[in-house]
Amino acid sequence: MKFNIPKLEIRTFYLTGAILMVFSIIGSIWALNVNWSHLVYGARMSSIVGVLFNILWMGLFAFLYKMTPKGAGIPQKVVNSPEIEQMLKELSSNDQKEVN
C-alpha cells in the first residue's frame, strides 16, 4: 500500500519546530509556576535551565527558518564527481531490478 504523502520542505519543518517550542515553553513555565513551592533548590534551578534551554531551541528553529532560502529542498547533487554519479546510477538501477 502506498501513501500519498506530500514532501515536507525544510522551512516548514523549522517553522513547525519553532511554533511547537513556543507551546513547550508555555507549558514548562506553567508547570514551574504551579509546582514552585514544592520544589527544592536543585529542582528549581533545573526547571529554570530547562525553560531557558527550550527558549534556545525555539531561537534555533526561528533562526534556521529565517536563514533558509524559500524553495530550498534537498539538494539533487551532493557530490560533484562523475565517477560517484555513475556508481550511484548503477546502484539505483540494481535496486530497481531487485524490487521488480
Protein backbone atom coordinates (compact mmCIF):
# COMPACT_ATOMS: atom_id res chain seq x y z
CA MET A 1 0.00 0.00 0.00
CA LYS A 2 1.42 3.39 -0.98
CA PHE A 3 0.60 6.55 0.88
CA ASN A 4 0.46 9.81 -0.99
CA ILE A 5 2.36 11.99 1.49
CA PRO A 6 3.39 15.43 0.26
CA LYS A 7 7.06 16.35 0.55
CA LEU A 8 7.92 18.35 3.62
CA GLU A 9 10.05 21.41 2.91
CA ILE A 10 12.78 22.25 5.39
CA ARG A 11 11.39 25.75 6.02
CA THR A 12 8.05 24.21 7.02
CA PHE A 13 9.89 21.88 9.41
CA TYR A 14 11.74 24.78 11.04
CA LEU A 15 8.59 26.88 11.37
CA THR A 16 6.67 23.97 12.88
CA GLY A 17 9.52 23.31 15.30
CA ALA A 18 9.56 26.95 16.43
CA ILE A 19 5.78 27.01 16.95
CA LEU A 20 5.83 23.75 18.92
CA MET A 21 8.66 25.05 21.07
CA VAL A 22 6.52 28.08 21.99
CA PHE A 23 3.88 25.70 23.37
CA SER A 24 6.59 23.72 25.16
CA ILE A 25 7.92 26.90 26.78
CA ILE A 26 4.45 27.96 27.90
CA GLY A 27 3.80 24.50 29.37
CA SER A 28 7.17 24.42 31.14
CA ILE A 29 6.63 27.86 32.68
CA TRP A 30 3.10 26.95 33.72
CA ALA A 31 4.24 23.70 35.35
CA LEU A 32 7.09 25.50 37.07
CA ASN A 33 4.70 28.14 38.41
CA VAL A 34 2.27 25.53 39.74
CA ASN A 35 4.96 23.40 41.41
CA TRP A 36 7.37 26.13 42.54
CA SER A 37 6.57 25.87 46.26
CA HIS A 38 7.03 22.08 46.23
CA LEU A 39 10.43 22.11 44.56
CA VAL A 40 13.78 22.11 46.33
CA TYR A 41 16.52 24.46 45.15
CA GLY A 42 18.15 21.96 42.80
CA ALA A 43 14.86 21.17 41.11
CA ARG A 44 14.07 24.88 40.79
CA MET A 45 17.40 25.56 39.14
CA SER A 46 16.98 22.57 36.84
CA SER A 47 13.49 23.68 35.83
CA ILE A 48 14.63 27.23 35.11
CA VAL A 49 17.52 25.95 33.00
CA GLY A 50 15.06 23.65 31.20
CA VAL A 51 12.90 26.65 30.27
CA LEU A 52 15.98 28.54 29.05
CA PHE A 53 17.03 25.50 27.03
CA ASN A 54 13.60 25.39 25.38
CA ILE A 55 13.92 29.10 24.57
CA LEU A 56 17.27 28.40 22.91
CA TRP A 57 15.72 25.60 20.84
CA MET A 58 12.92 27.91 19.73
CA GLY A 59 15.50 30.54 18.82
CA LEU A 60 17.49 28.00 16.81
CA PHE A 61 14.42 26.90 14.85
CA ALA A 62 13.43 30.53 14.21
CA PHE A 63 16.99 31.40 13.13
CA LEU A 64 17.17 28.44 10.76
CA TYR A 65 13.75 29.33 9.35
CA LYS A 66 14.88 32.89 8.62
CA MET A 67 18.22 31.81 7.16
CA THR A 68 16.87 29.10 4.84
CA PRO A 69 16.01 30.46 1.39
CA LYS A 70 12.49 29.88 0.09
CA GLY A 71 12.16 26.81 -2.08
CA ALA A 72 15.24 25.21 -0.58
CA GLY A 73 14.82 21.49 -0.55
CA ILE A 74 17.07 18.52 -0.55
CA PRO A 75 19.91 19.13 -2.99
CA GLN A 76 19.80 16.96 -6.09
CA LYS A 77 23.57 16.61 -6.27
CA VAL A 78 25.58 16.08 -3.14
CA VAL A 79 28.90 15.26 -4.78
CA ASN A 80 30.21 16.72 -7.99
CA SER A 81 32.12 13.67 -9.22
CA PRO A 82 31.27 11.81 -12.45
CA GLU A 83 32.65 8.51 -11.10
CA ILE A 84 30.49 8.62 -7.98
CA GLU A 85 27.45 9.68 -10.02
CA GLN A 86 27.94 6.66 -12.30
CA MET A 87 28.25 4.32 -9.30
CA LEU A 88 25.09 5.77 -7.77
CA LYS A 89 23.16 5.31 -11.02
CA GLU A 90 24.32 1.68 -11.23
CA LEU A 91 23.32 1.02 -7.63
CA SER A 92 19.95 2.65 -8.21
CA SER A 93 19.28 0.59 -11.31
CA ASN A 94 20.32 -2.61 -9.48
CA ASP A 95 17.93 -1.81 -6.63
CA GLN A 96 15.06 -1.26 -9.04
CA LYS A 97 15.80 -4.59 -10.78
CA GLU A 98 15.73 -6.42 -7.44
CA VAL A 99 12.38 -4.86 -6.47
CA ASN A 100 10.76 -5.85 -9.76
